[in-house]
Amino acid sequence: MRAALSVILPTLNAAATLPACLGTLIEGLEAGMIRELIVTDGGSSDDTLAMADAAGAVIVQGAPSRGAQLQRGARVAAGEWLLFLHADTVLPAGWAATVRAQIESDRPAAFGLRYDAEGVMPRLVAGWANFRSRWLGLPYGDQGLLISRAAYDAAGGYPDIPLMEDVALVRALRGRITLLPLCVTTSAARYLREGWLRRGARNLTLLLRYLCGADPTSLAERYRHRDSRPAGPAKDG
């Protein structure tokens, strides 16, 4: 198989997590699968761009909005297949062979999910994500999305919205997403900061409101406003 895969990473001040993500791409390079790495940045002020440049990435820059960043990255990609990853997501050992087989089947796919944290709550939240992906056909972007250029274009690509861009795209694929047998590992930092139940409930509320027709821009503005409010007294549990 000739190098047909464009790997697309949206970034914004991702210097803390980017090295681990980039390190797992070596397997695909050694297998001769990766044609190019595209880092689509939303205005990083840390060492993200220097790291991307050192890795030989094509760098695309623009306003910070994940939907728009993914859209810009896909626009310049030359590969016949696209692999969209988050910068705090780490691919598992053996991913190259699994992706190769999936490409040969010509079906879009996402990885299973696990978090870089131990305990019951990380397993429960990841379990819900994997259930949602397998049975509802709704993987999120932190699971990685593998899709052919033809299928991506036919689905209309990523929309330029600040929230739920991943759900919008997979819904346009009309349930054709395969859940791969391997799991990526993604950062649990936001769950650890906000609390597993609070963050999980918030994400579920966002999803349900979006599926019921709420405007993603309004949803994003509301939750940004909520995040900006002063925190109340710390509570146990």
Protein backbone atom coordinates (compact mmCIF):
# COMPACT_ATOMS: atom_id res chain seq x y z
CA MET A 1 0.00 0.00 0.00
CA ARG A 2 1.44 3.34 -1.02
CA ALA A 3 1.33 6.23 1.42
CA ALA A 4 -2.29 7.36 1.10
CA LEU A 5 -3.05 8.71 4.58
CA SER A 6 -3.17 12.36 5.59
CA VAL A 7 -3.14 12.81 9.38
CA ILE A 8 -4.87 16.02 10.47
CA LEU A 9 -4.40 17.48 13.97
CA PRO A 10 -6.29 20.58 15.20
CA THR A 11 -4.24 22.38 17.84
CA LEU A 12 -4.44 25.29 20.26
CA ASN A 13 -1.64 25.56 22.83
CA ALA A 14 -1.12 21.80 22.68
CA ALA A 15 2.59 21.67 23.54
CA ALA A 16 2.01 19.59 26.68
CA THR A 17 0.28 16.73 24.87
CA LEU A 18 1.47 16.96 21.28
CA PRO A 19 4.77 15.03 21.68
CA ALA A 20 3.00 11.85 22.85
CA CYS A 21 0.49 12.11 20.02
CA LEU A 22 3.20 12.62 17.41
CA GLY A 23 5.28 9.77 18.82
CA THR A 24 2.59 7.23 18.05
CA LEU A 25 2.53 8.29 14.39
CA ILE A 26 5.99 6.78 13.89
CA GLU A 27 4.40 3.36 13.49
CA GLY A 28 2.46 4.59 10.46
CA LEU A 29 5.54 6.23 8.97
CA GLU A 30 7.53 3.00 9.31
CA ALA A 31 4.67 1.11 7.65
CA GLY A 32 4.78 3.53 4.71
CA MET A 33 1.17 4.60 5.23
CA ILE A 34 1.40 8.30 6.11
CA ARG A 35 1.67 10.69 3.21
CA GLU A 36 1.62 13.88 5.28
CA LEU A 37 0.93 15.35 8.70
CA ILE A 38 -1.18 18.50 8.77
CA VAL A 39 -1.32 20.61 11.93
CA THR A 40 -4.18 23.10 11.71
CA ASP A 41 -3.62 25.63 14.45
CA GLY A 42 -6.00 28.11 16.03
CA GLY A 43 -3.46 30.65 17.32
CA SER A 44 -1.13 28.86 19.72
CA SER A 45 1.15 30.99 21.88
CA ASP A 46 3.22 28.11 23.28
CA ASP A 47 5.67 25.77 21.49
CA THR A 48 3.00 23.94 19.47
CA LEU A 49 4.03 25.37 16.11
CA ALA A 50 7.74 24.80 16.75
CA MET A 51 7.00 21.15 17.57
CA ALA A 52 4.85 20.78 14.46
CA ASP A 53 7.56 22.30 12.30
CA ALA A 54 10.23 20.02 13.80
CA ALA A 55 7.98 17.03 12.98
CA GLY A 56 7.83 18.11 9.34
CA ALA A 57 4.13 18.95 9.46
CA VAL A 58 2.27 21.09 6.98
CA ILE A 59 1.04 23.97 9.15
CA VAL A 60 -2.28 25.70 8.49
CA GLN A 61 -3.28 28.66 10.65
CA GLY A 62 -6.55 30.48 11.23
CA ALA A 63 -9.17 31.45 13.77
CA PRO A 64 -9.71 29.10 16.75
CA SER A 65 -12.78 26.97 16.08
CA ARG A 66 -12.37 23.22 15.93
CA GLY A 67 -14.87 22.80 13.09
CA ALA A 68 -13.14 25.47 11.01
CA GLN A 69 -9.68 24.15 11.86
CA LEU A 70 -10.59 20.62 10.78
CA GLN A 71 -12.19 22.01 7.64
CA ARG A 72 -9.04 23.98 6.78
CA GLY A 73 -6.83 20.97 7.39
CA ALA A 74 -8.93 18.73 5.17
CA ARG A 75 -8.96 21.34 2.44
CA VAL A 76 -5.19 21.14 1.95
CA ALA A 77 -4.87 17.37 2.51
CA ALA A 78 -3.66 15.37 -0.50
CA GLY A 79 -4.22 11.86 0.85
CA GLU A 80 -6.88 9.47 -0.43
CA TRP A 81 -7.74 8.79 3.23
CA LEU A 82 -7.92 11.22 6.16
CA LEU A 83 -7.23 10.46 9.82
CA PHE A 84 -8.43 13.22 12.13
CA LEU A 85 -6.88 13.14 15.61
CA HIS A 86 -6.94 15.41 18.63
CA ALA A 87 -3.57 16.55 19.94
CA ASP A 88 -4.22 14.96 23.36
CA THR A 89 -5.08 11.56 21.83
CA VAL A 90 -2.54 8.73 21.66
CA LEU A 91 -2.87 5.95 19.10
CA PRO A 92 -2.49 2.35 20.33
CA ALA A 93 0.25 -0.07 19.35
CA GLY A 94 -0.79 -1.95 16.24
CA TRP A 95 -2.93 0.85 14.87
CA ALA A 96 -1.24 0.89 11.46
CA ALA A 97 -2.23 -2.68 10.58
CA THR A 98 -5.78 -2.07 11.81
CA VAL A 99 -6.09 1.12 9.77
CA ARG A 100 -4.63 -0.61 6.71
CA ALA A 101 -7.28 -3.33 6.93
CA GLN A 102 -10.02 -0.74 7.39
CA ILE A 103 -8.86 1.21 4.36
CA GLU A 104 -9.06 -1.98 2.31
CA SER A 105 -12.67 -2.42 3.47
CA ASP A 106 -13.40 1.14 2.24
CA ARG A 107 -15.53 2.11 5.26
CA PRO A 108 -15.11 5.10 7.62
CA ALA A 109 -14.24 4.20 11.20
CA ALA A 110 -13.41 5.47 14.68
CA PHE A 111 -11.35 3.93 17.46
CA GLY A 112 -12.67 2.81 20.81
CA LEU A 113 -11.89 5.11 23.73
CA ARG A 114 -10.09 4.93 27.03
CA TYR A 115 -8.80 7.66 29.36
CA ASP A 116 -5.35 8.15 30.83
CA ALA A 117 -6.77 7.79 34.34
CA GLU A 118 -7.53 4.85 36.61
CA GLY A 119 -10.72 4.11 38.50
CA VAL A 120 -14.37 3.30 38.08
CA MET A 121 -15.48 6.64 36.63
CA PRO A 122 -12.97 6.71 33.74
CA ARG A 123 -14.07 3.19 32.79
CA LEU A 124 -17.75 4.09 32.99
CA VAL A 125 -17.42 7.25 30.93
CA ALA A 126 -15.31 5.46 28.32
CA GLY A 127 -17.80 2.59 28.32
CA TRP A 128 -20.64 5.00 27.55
CA ALA A 129 -18.58 6.53 24.72
CA ASN A 130 -17.94 3.12 23.21
CA PHE A 131 -21.62 2.13 23.56
CA ARG A 132 -22.67 5.40 21.93
CA SER A 133 -20.21 4.81 19.10
CA ARG A 134 -21.06 1.17 18.43
CA TRP A 135 -24.84 1.22 18.81
CA LEU A 136 -25.81 4.83 18.12
CA GLY A 137 -23.15 5.53 15.50
CA LEU A 138 -22.00 8.71 17.29
CA PRO A 139 -18.26 8.67 18.02
CA TYR A 140 -16.67 11.94 19.12
CA GLY A 141 -13.57 13.52 17.65
CA ASP A 142 -11.30 12.42 20.51
CA GLN A 143 -11.73 8.83 19.25
CA GLY A 144 -10.07 9.63 15.94
CA LEU A 145 -11.96 9.52 12.66
CA LEU A 146 -10.69 7.57 9.65
CA ILE A 147 -12.51 8.44 6.44
CA SER A 148 -11.80 8.37 2.72
CA ARG A 149 -11.54 11.68 0.90
CA ALA A 150 -14.47 10.59 -1.30
CA ALA A 151 -16.74 9.82 1.70
CA TYR A 152 -15.66 13.00 3.49
CA ASP A 153 -16.53 15.16 0.48
CA ALA A 154 -19.82 13.31 -0.13
CA ALA A 155 -20.86 13.97 3.49
CA GLY A 156 -20.10 17.68 3.14
CA GLY A 157 -17.01 17.62 5.38
CA TYR A 158 -16.69 19.25 8.77
CA PRO A 159 -19.03 22.22 9.22
CA ASP A 160 -17.62 25.53 10.45
CA ILE A 161 -19.27 25.39 13.87
CA PRO A 162 -17.66 25.80 17.31
CA LEU A 163 -19.28 22.73 18.85
CA MET A 164 -20.59 19.29 17.76
CA GLU A 165 -18.70 19.41 14.48
CA ASP A 166 -17.80 15.74 14.92
CA VAL A 167 -21.42 14.71 15.54
CA ALA A 168 -22.57 16.72 12.50
CA LEU A 169 -20.13 14.89 10.24
CA VAL A 170 -20.81 11.37 11.48
CA ARG A 171 -24.57 11.96 11.25
CA ALA A 172 -24.06 12.98 7.62
CA LEU A 173 -22.37 9.61 7.09
CA ARG A 174 -25.73 8.00 8.01
CA GLY A 175 -24.52 5.31 10.40
CA ARG A 176 -21.71 3.98 8.22
CA ILE A 177 -19.05 4.33 10.95
CA THR A 178 -17.25 1.16 12.04
CA LEU A 179 -15.90 0.96 15.60
CA LEU A 180 -12.35 -0.39 15.37
CA PRO A 181 -11.19 -3.12 17.78
CA LEU A 182 -8.40 -0.94 19.23
CA CYS A 183 -8.77 1.96 21.68
CA VAL A 184 -7.03 5.30 21.59
CA THR A 185 -6.08 6.87 24.92
CA THR A 186 -7.16 10.45 25.45
CA SER A 187 -6.54 12.99 28.19
CA ALA A 188 -8.79 12.97 31.24
CA ALA A 189 -7.61 16.46 32.28
CA ARG A 190 -10.96 18.21 31.81
CA TYR A 191 -12.83 15.47 33.67
CA LEU A 192 -10.34 15.61 36.52
CA ARG A 193 -10.65 19.39 36.66
CA GLU A 194 -14.45 19.59 36.45
CA GLY A 195 -15.46 16.25 37.97
CA TRP A 196 -16.45 13.10 36.11
CA LEU A 197 -20.17 13.37 36.81
CA ARG A 198 -20.38 17.11 36.14
CA ARG A 199 -18.41 16.92 32.89
CA GLY A 200 -20.26 13.81 31.75
CA ALA A 201 -23.66 15.36 32.45
CA ARG A 202 -22.63 18.52 30.65
CA ASN A 203 -21.50 16.61 27.56
CA LEU A 204 -24.69 14.55 27.48
CA THR A 205 -26.82 17.70 27.83
CA LEU A 206 -24.93 19.34 24.97
CA LEU A 207 -25.44 16.30 22.75
CA LEU A 208 -29.16 16.03 23.50
CA ARG A 209 -29.78 19.74 22.97
CA TYR A 210 -27.86 19.67 19.70
CA LEU A 211 -29.79 16.60 18.47
CA CYS A 212 -33.00 18.43 19.38
CA GLY A 213 -32.06 21.31 17.10
CA ALA A 214 -30.23 23.81 19.32
CA ASP A 215 -27.85 26.14 17.52
CA PRO A 216 -24.24 25.03 18.18
CA THR A 217 -22.97 28.62 18.30
CA SER A 218 -25.50 29.50 21.02
CA LEU A 219 -24.63 26.33 22.92
CA ALA A 220 -20.92 27.17 22.77
CA GLU A 221 -21.49 30.74 23.95
CA ARG A 222 -23.65 29.59 26.87
CA TYR A 223 -21.10 27.07 28.07
CA ARG A 224 -18.17 29.46 27.61
CA HIS A 225 -20.07 31.96 29.78
CA ARG A 226 -20.68 29.27 32.38
CA ASP A 227 -16.99 28.34 32.39
CA SER A 228 -16.02 32.01 32.91
CA ARG A 229 -18.08 32.43 36.08
CA PRO A 230 -16.14 32.43 39.38
CA ALA A 231 -16.02 29.01 40.94
CA GLY A 232 -17.99 28.43 44.12
CA PRO A 233 -16.62 26.93 47.32
CA ALA A 234 -14.86 23.62 46.85
CA LYS A 235 -16.96 20.59 47.73
CA ASP A 236 -16.01 17.03 48.49
CA GLY A 237 -17.46 14.20 46.38
